[in-house]
C-alpha atoms as a PDB file:
ATOM      1  CA  MET A   1      27.156  50.704  95.459  1.00  0.00           C
ATOM      2  CA  SER A   2      26.044  47.391  96.896  1.00  0.00           C
ATOM      3  CA  GLU A   3      27.874  44.173  96.030  1.00  0.00           C
ATOM      4  CA  GLU A   4      24.599  42.307  95.519  1.00  0.00           C
ATOM      5  CA  ASP A   5      23.652  44.478  92.576  1.00  0.00           C
ATOM      6  CA  PRO A   6      26.423  44.337  89.932  1.00  0.00           C
ATOM      7  CA  PHE A   7      24.760  46.943  87.739  1.00  0.00           C
ATOM      8  CA  GLY A   8      24.410  49.410  90.574  1.00  0.00           C
ATOM      9  CA  PHE A   9      20.685  49.444  90.388  1.00  0.00           C
ATOM     10  CA  GLY A  10      19.645  48.999  93.960  1.00  0.00           C
ATOM     11  CA  ALA A  11      16.487  49.639  95.774  1.00  0.00           C
ATOM     12  CA  ASP A  12      18.085  52.541  97.570  1.00  0.00           C
ATOM     13  CA  ASP A  13      16.814  55.739  95.988  1.00  0.00           C
ATOM     14  CA  SER A  14      19.003  57.908  98.128  1.00  0.00           C
ATOM     15  CA  GLU A  15      22.013  57.368  95.938  1.00  0.00           C
ATOM     16  CA  GLY A  16      20.142  58.306  92.795  1.00  0.00           C
ATOM     17  CA  ASN A  17      20.700  54.946  91.109  1.00  0.00           C
ATOM     18  CA  ALA A  18      17.159  53.911  90.480  1.00  0.00           C
ATOM     19  CA  ASP A  19      16.379  51.355  87.694  1.00  0.00           C
ATOM     20  CA  PRO A  20      15.877  53.327  84.501  1.00  0.00           C
ATOM     21  CA  PHE A  21      13.754  50.502  83.017  1.00  0.00           C
ATOM     22  CA  GLN A  22      11.285  50.835  85.901  1.00  0.00           C
ATOM     23  CA  SER A  23      11.038  54.577  85.694  1.00  0.00           C
ATOM     24  CA  GLU A  24       7.565  55.870  85.151  1.00  0.00           C
ATOM     25  CA  ASP A  25       8.951  58.713  83.070  1.00  0.00           C
ATOM     26  CA  LEU A  26      10.150  56.310  80.360  1.00  0.00           C
ATOM     27  CA  HIS A  27       6.729  54.690  79.837  1.00  0.00           C
ATOM     28  CA  VAL A  28       4.973  56.046  76.803  1.00  0.00           C
ATOM     29  CA  GLN A  29       1.291  56.570  76.871  1.00  0.00           C
ATOM     30  CA  GLY A  30      -0.405  53.893  74.928  1.00  0.00           C
ATOM     31  CA  GLY A  31       1.185  50.844  76.524  1.00  0.00           C
ATOM     32  CA  PHE A  32       4.669  50.781  74.898  1.00  0.00           C
ATOM     33  CA  ASP A  33       7.865  50.568  76.934  1.00  0.00           C
ATOM     34  CA  ALA A  34      11.224  52.169  76.245  1.00  0.00           C
ATOM     35  CA  PHE A  35      12.222  49.368  73.807  1.00  0.00           C
ATOM     36  CA  GLY A  36       9.130  49.806  71.673  1.00  0.00           C
ATOM     37  CA  GLY A  37       7.676  46.519  72.946  1.00  0.00           C
ATOM     38  CA  GLU A  38       4.140  45.868  73.847  1.00  0.00           C
ATOM     39  CA  ASP A  39       2.924  45.923  77.385  1.00  0.00           C
ATOM     40  CA  GLU A  40       1.130  42.900  78.684  1.00  0.00           C
ATOM     41  CA  ASN A  41      -1.933  45.064  79.225  1.00  0.00           C
ATOM     42  CA  SER A  42      -1.658  46.822  75.847  1.00  0.00           C
ATOM     43  CA  GLY A  43      -4.487  46.776  73.273  1.00  0.00           C
ATOM     44  CA  PHE A  44      -2.647  44.980  70.414  1.00  0.00           C
ATOM     45  CA  GLY A  45      -4.554  41.753  70.972  1.00  0.00           C
ATOM     46  CA  ASP A  46      -7.720  43.742  71.123  1.00  0.00           C
ATOM     47  CA  GLU A  47      -6.902  45.268  67.744  1.00  0.00           C
ATOM     48  CA  LEU A  48      -6.328  41.802  66.212  1.00  0.00           C
ATOM     49  CA  GLY A  49      -9.572  40.566  67.695  1.00  0.00           C
ATOM     50  CA  ALA A  50     -11.381  43.542  66.293  1.00  0.00           C
ATOM     51  CA  ASP A  51      -9.914  42.936  62.801  1.00  0.00           C
ATOM     52  CA  ALA A  52     -10.898  39.250  62.877  1.00  0.00           C
ATOM     53  CA  GLY A  53     -14.386  40.153  64.025  1.00  0.00           C
ATOM     54  CA  ASP A  54     -14.736  42.663  61.203  1.00  0.00           C
ATOM     55  CA  GLN A  55     -13.624  40.100  58.611  1.00  0.00           C
ATOM     56  CA  ALA A  56     -16.077  37.495  59.965  1.00  0.00           C
ATOM     57  CA  ALA A  57     -18.891  40.016  59.880  1.00  0.00           C
ATOM     58  CA  GLU A  58     -17.962  40.994  56.321  1.00  0.00           C
ATOM     59  CA  TYR A  59     -17.868  37.333  55.231  1.00  0.00           C
ATOM     60  CA  GLY A  60     -21.250  36.748  56.876  1.00  0.00           C
ATOM     61  CA  ASN A  61     -22.689  39.684  55.010  1.00  0.00           C
ATOM     62  CA  LEU A  62     -21.335  38.300  51.728  1.00  0.00           C
ATOM     63  CA  GLU A  63     -22.980  34.942  52.450  1.00  0.00           C
ATOM     64  CA  ASP A  64     -26.246  36.694  53.168  1.00  0.00           C
ATOM     65  CA  GLU A  65     -26.009  38.693  49.960  1.00  0.00           C
ATOM     66  CA  GLN A  66     -25.083  35.759  47.734  1.00  0.00           C
ATOM     67  CA  GLU A  67     -27.693  33.123  47.068  1.00  0.00           C
ATOM     68  CA  PHE A  68     -26.390  29.607  47.555  1.00  0.00           C
ATOM     69  CA  VAL A  69     -27.210  27.572  44.489  1.00  0.00           C
ATOM     70  CA  GLN A  70     -27.651  23.894  45.248  1.00  0.00           C
ATOM     71  CA  PRO A  71     -26.279  21.835  42.305  1.00  0.00           C
ATOM     72  CA  SER A  72     -29.092  20.027  40.652  1.00  0.00           C
ATOM     73  CA  THR A  73     -28.871  16.246  40.618  1.00  0.00           C
ATOM     74  CA  ASP A  74     -31.576  15.893  38.020  1.00  0.00           C
ATOM     75  CA  VAL A  75     -30.140  14.558  34.738  1.00  0.00           C
ATOM     76  CA  PRO A  76     -31.837  16.140  31.735  1.00  0.00           C
ATOM     77  CA  ALA A  77     -33.737  13.651  29.703  1.00  0.00           C
ATOM     78  CA  MET A  78     -31.877  12.807  26.517  1.00  0.00           C
ATOM     79  CA  ASP A  79     -33.677  12.754  23.264  1.00  0.00           C
ATOM     80  CA  SER A  80     -34.008   9.145  22.126  1.00  0.00           C
ATOM     81  CA  GLN A  81     -34.731  10.103  18.545  1.00  0.00           C
ATOM     82  CA  PRO A  82     -31.038  10.383  17.474  1.00  0.00           C
ATOM     83  CA  ALA A  83     -30.296   7.017  19.077  1.00  0.00           C
ATOM     84  CA  VAL A  84     -33.182   5.439  17.188  1.00  0.00           C
ATOM     85  CA  ALA A  85     -32.008   7.068  13.971  1.00  0.00           C
ATOM     86  CA  ALA A  86     -28.451   5.826  14.570  1.00  0.00           C
ATOM     87  CA  ALA A  87     -29.782   2.328  15.238  1.00  0.00           C
ATOM     88  CA  ASP A  88     -31.782   2.458  12.009  1.00  0.00           C
ATOM     89  CA  VAL A  89     -28.688   3.575  10.088  1.00  0.00           C
ATOM     90  CA  GLN A  90     -26.679   0.766  11.688  1.00  0.00           C
ATOM     91  CA  ASP A  91     -29.369  -1.754  10.754  1.00  0.00           C
ATOM     92  CA  ASP A  92     -29.407  -0.432   7.192  1.00  0.00           C
ATOM     93  CA  ASP A  93     -25.623  -0.704   7.016  1.00  0.00           C
ATOM     94  CA  ASP A  94     -25.706  -4.242   8.378  1.00  0.00           C
ATOM     95  CA  ALA A  95     -28.412  -5.238   5.913  1.00  0.00           C
ATOM     96  CA  ALA A  96     -26.476  -3.710   3.008  1.00  0.00           C
ATOM     97  CA  LEU A  97     -23.287  -5.440   4.137  1.00  0.00           C
ATOM     98  CA  LYS A  98     -25.039  -8.786   4.454  1.00  0.00           C
ATOM     99  CA  ALA A  99     -26.632  -8.330   1.023  1.00  0.00           C
ATOM    100  CA  PHE A 100     -23.237  -7.516  -0.463  1.00  0.00           C
ATOM    101  CA  GLU A 101     -21.678 -10.552   1.210  1.00  0.00           C
ATOM    102  CA  ARG A 102     -24.437 -12.813  -0.113  1.00  0.00           C
ATOM    103  CA  LYS A 103     -24.042 -11.405  -3.604  1.00  0.00           C
ATOM    104  CA  PHE A 104     -20.274 -11.719  -3.417  1.00  0.00           C
ATOM    105  CA  GLN A 105     -20.465 -15.312  -2.196  1.00  0.00           C
ATOM    106  CA  ALA A 106     -22.938 -16.143  -4.963  1.00  0.00           C
ATOM    107  CA  GLU A 107     -20.654 -14.623  -7.612  1.00  0.00           C
ATOM    108  CA  VAL A 108     -17.638 -16.420  -6.201  1.00  0.00           C
ATOM    109  CA  GLY A 109     -19.538 -19.704  -6.137  1.00  0.00           C
ATOM    110  CA  GLU A 110     -20.691 -19.207  -9.720  1.00  0.00           C
ATOM    111  CA  LYS A 111     -17.165 -18.418 -10.868  1.00  0.00           C
ATOM    112  CA  ASP A 112     -15.826 -21.456  -9.036  1.00  0.00           C
ATOM    113  CA  ALA A 113     -18.450 -23.669 -10.654  1.00  0.00           C
ATOM    114  CA  LYS A 114     -17.594 -22.315 -14.108  1.00  0.00           C
ATOM    115  CA  SER A 115     -13.896 -22.743 -13.425  1.00  0.00           C
ATOM    116  CA  GLN A 116     -14.411 -26.328 -12.280  1.00  0.00           C
ATOM    117  CA  ALA A 117     -16.502 -27.075 -15.376  1.00  0.00           C
ATOM    118  CA  GLN A 118     -13.903 -25.542 -17.693  1.00  0.00           C
ATOM    119  CA  ARG A 119     -11.149 -27.451 -15.933  1.00  0.00           C
ATOM    120  CA  ALA A 120     -13.051 -30.707 -16.309  1.00  0.00           C
ATOM    121  CA  GLU A 121     -13.644 -29.994 -20.008  1.00  0.00           C
ATOM    122  CA  MET A 122      -9.980 -29.172 -20.565  1.00  0.00           C
ATOM    123  CA  LYS A 123      -8.901 -32.349 -18.766  1.00  0.00           C
ATOM    124  CA  GLU A 124     -11.314 -34.416 -20.845  1.00  0.00           C
ATOM    125  CA  ALA A 125     -10.121 -32.799 -24.089  1.00  0.00           C
ATOM    126  CA  ALA A 126      -6.478 -33.294 -23.101  1.00  0.00           C
ATOM    127  CA  LYS A 127      -7.162 -36.936 -22.251  1.00  0.00           C
ATOM    128  CA  LYS A 128      -8.819 -37.507 -25.619  1.00  0.00           C
ATOM    129  CA  GLU A 129      -5.976 -35.790 -27.441  1.00  0.00           C
ATOM    130  CA  LEU A 130      -3.406 -37.830 -25.535  1.00  0.00           C
ATOM    131  CA  ASP A 131      -5.270 -41.055 -26.238  1.00  0.00           C
ATOM    132  CA  GLY A 132      -5.435 -40.178 -29.936  1.00  0.00           C
ATOM    133  CA  PHE A 133      -1.736 -39.331 -30.016  1.00  0.00           C
ATOM    134  CA  LEU A 134      -0.798 -42.597 -28.307  1.00  0.00           C
ATOM    135  CA  ALA A 135      -3.048 -44.601 -30.634  1.00  0.00           C
ATOM    136  CA  GLU A 136      -1.588 -42.918 -33.714  1.00  0.00           C
ATOM    137  CA  LYS A 137       1.921 -43.430 -32.414  1.00  0.00           C
ATOM    138  CA  LYS A 138       1.175 -47.074 -31.799  1.00  0.00           C
ATOM    139  CA  VAL A 139      -0.084 -47.527 -35.368  1.00  0.00           C
ATOM    140  CA  LYS A 140       2.950 -45.744 -36.808  1.00  0.00           C
ATOM    141  CA  ASN A 141       5.310 -47.798 -34.673  1.00  0.00           C
ATOM    142  CA  ALA A 142       3.630 -51.003 -35.792  1.00  0.00           C
ATOM    143  CA  ALA A 143       3.859 -49.967 -39.437  1.00  0.00           C
ATOM    144  CA  LYS A 144       7.486 -48.951 -39.053  1.00  0.00           C
ATOM    145  CA  LEU A 145       8.273 -52.208 -37.285  1.00  0.00           C
ATOM    146  CA  LYS A 146       6.601 -54.178 -40.045  1.00  0.00           C
ATOM    147  CA  LEU A 147       8.515 -52.302 -42.736  1.00  0.00           C
ATOM    148  CA  ASN A 148      11.803 -52.798 -40.924  1.00  0.00           C
ATOM    149  CA  ARG A 149      11.165 -56.500 -40.636  1.00  0.00           C
ATOM    150  CA  GLU A 150      10.292 -56.751 -44.329  1.00  0.00           C
ATOM    151  CA  GLU A 151      13.426 -54.862 -45.321  1.00  0.00           C
ATOM    152  CA  GLU A 152      15.464 -57.024 -43.022  1.00  0.00           C
ATOM    153  CA  GLN A 153      13.982 -60.141 -44.557  1.00  0.00           C
ATOM    154  CA  GLU A 154      14.742 -58.938 -48.076  1.00  0.00           C
ATOM    155  CA  PHE A 155      18.307 -58.136 -47.076  1.00  0.00           C
ATOM    156  CA  MET A 156      18.788 -61.585 -45.598  1.00  0.00           C
ATOM    157  CA  ASN A 157      17.312 -63.181 -48.723  1.00  0.00           C
ATOM    158  CA  SER A 158      19.674 -61.226 -50.949  1.00  0.00           C
ATOM    159  CA  ILE A 159      22.626 -62.356 -48.863  1.00  0.00           C
ATOM    160  CA  ASN A 160      21.544 -65.949 -49.103  1.00  0.00           C
ATOM    161  CA  ASP A 161      21.047 -65.638 -52.855  1.00  0.00           C
ATOM    162  CA  ALA A 162      24.497 -64.097 -53.274  1.00  0.00           C
ATOM    163  CA  LEU A 163      26.144 -66.786 -51.203  1.00  0.00           C
ATOM    164  CA  THR A 164      24.447 -69.524 -53.133  1.00  0.00           C
ATOM    165  CA  ALA A 165      25.079 -67.961 -56.549  1.00  0.00           C
ATOM    166  CA  GLU A 166      27.557 -69.553 -58.892  1.00  0.00           C
ATOM    167  CA  ASN A 167      29.318 -66.219 -59.563  1.00  0.00           C
ATOM    168  CA  PRO A 168      30.272 -64.511 -56.227  1.00  0.00           C
ATOM    169  CA  TRP A 169      31.290 -61.350 -58.070  1.00  0.00           C
ATOM    170  CA  GLU A 170      27.645 -60.608 -58.654  1.00  0.00           C
ATOM    171  CA  ARG A 171      27.158 -59.967 -54.909  1.00  0.00           C
ATOM    172  CA  ILE A 172      30.212 -57.721 -54.833  1.00  0.00           C
ATOM    173  CA  TYR A 173      28.893 -55.894 -57.859  1.00  0.00           C
ATOM    174  CA  THR A 174      25.622 -55.176 -56.009  1.00  0.00           C
ATOM    175  CA  LEU A 175      27.537 -53.557 -53.151  1.00  0.00           C
ATOM    176  CA  VAL A 176      29.294 -51.080 -55.437  1.00  0.00           C
ATOM    177  CA  ASP A 177      27.585 -48.094 -57.004  1.00  0.00           C
ATOM    178  CA  VAL A 178      28.939 -48.285 -60.525  1.00  0.00           C
ATOM    179  CA  ALA A 179      26.611 -45.574 -61.861  1.00  0.00           C
ATOM    180  CA  SER A 180      28.022 -42.710 -59.794  1.00  0.00           C
ATOM    181  CA  LYS A 181      30.333 -40.223 -61.458  1.00  0.00           C
ATOM    182  CA  PRO A 182      33.727 -39.442 -59.958  1.00  0.00           C
ATOM    183  CA  SER A 183      34.193 -36.015 -58.311  1.00  0.00           C
ATOM    184  CA  GLU A 184      37.215 -33.802 -58.664  1.00  0.00           C
ATOM    185  CA  ASP A 185      38.210 -33.916 -54.992  1.00  0.00           C
ATOM    186  CA  LYS A 186      38.049 -37.728 -54.760  1.00  0.00           C
ATOM    187  CA  THR A 187      40.060 -40.557 -56.256  1.00  0.00           C
ATOM    188  CA  ASP A 188      38.858 -41.782 -59.608  1.00  0.00           C
ATOM    189  CA  VAL A 189      37.581 -45.395 -59.246  1.00  0.00           C
ATOM    190  CA  THR A 190      36.337 -45.793 -62.780  1.00  0.00           C
ATOM    191  CA  ARG A 191      38.957 -48.432 -63.637  1.00  0.00           C
ATOM    192  CA  LEU A 192      38.005 -50.500 -60.550  1.00  0.00           C
ATOM    193  CA  LYS A 193      34.349 -50.387 -61.533  1.00  0.00           C
ATOM    194  CA  ASN A 194      35.188 -51.629 -65.037  1.00  0.00           C
ATOM    195  CA  ILE A 195      37.134 -54.565 -63.576  1.00  0.00           C
ATOM    196  CA  LEU A 196      34.147 -55.510 -61.357  1.00  0.00           C
ATOM    197  CA  ILE A 197      31.859 -55.416 -64.346  1.00  0.00           C
ATOM    198  CA  GLN A 198      34.175 -57.733 -66.314  1.00  0.00           C
ATOM    199  CA  LEU A 199      34.425 -60.170 -63.397  1.00  0.00           C
ATOM    200  CA  LYS A 200      30.647 -60.224 -63.033  1.00  0.00           C
ATOM    201  CA  ASN A 201      30.115 -60.954 -66.674  1.00  0.00           C
ATOM    202  CA  ALA A 202      33.001 -63.368 -67.062  1.00  0.00           C
ATOM    203  CA  PRO A 203      34.033 -64.791 -63.726  1.00  0.00           C
ATOM    204  CA  VAL A 204      37.467 -66.288 -63.410  1.00  0.00           C
ATOM    205  CA  ALA A 205      37.377 -70.014 -63.233  1.00  0.00           C
END
């Protein structure tokens, strides 16, 4: 065995140590080596090329068989009749709405006018009633004031007459109610009344 070849595979065939990987007996017909790999000159690439060519040919045949439909860019004409009908309906709705608004505004204005008239009438009636009440109150107050002054004048005259009278017991007698009857729950003043009557009729000198 040579030192240059560590595996013992030399070029010398005399020793019987030829390279088993280079042996022609190990090559399998068809291009495969002993490890099942592909030879550089094998037909695997040719098989792939053949498959790709078959698929391309099949695809081309499908394109020939199928008719290519170009999408149409023409927009179908729309019927304008529904749009016109919708516009007419919208116009009718707008006209009805405007008519309703005019009617509503007219009714509101009429009600406001009636309300204003009624309010003015009520204010006028209230003013007249207030004026009448104040006038009547003024007349009553004047009459009451006149009566009070007359009564006051009579009272003052009676006082003056009593003060100037010769018998002062007469004034005292006028201040006492001698005609009233005594009650059970009050003190009996009958004797005092009798004394006042005697003094009025016969004053003490």
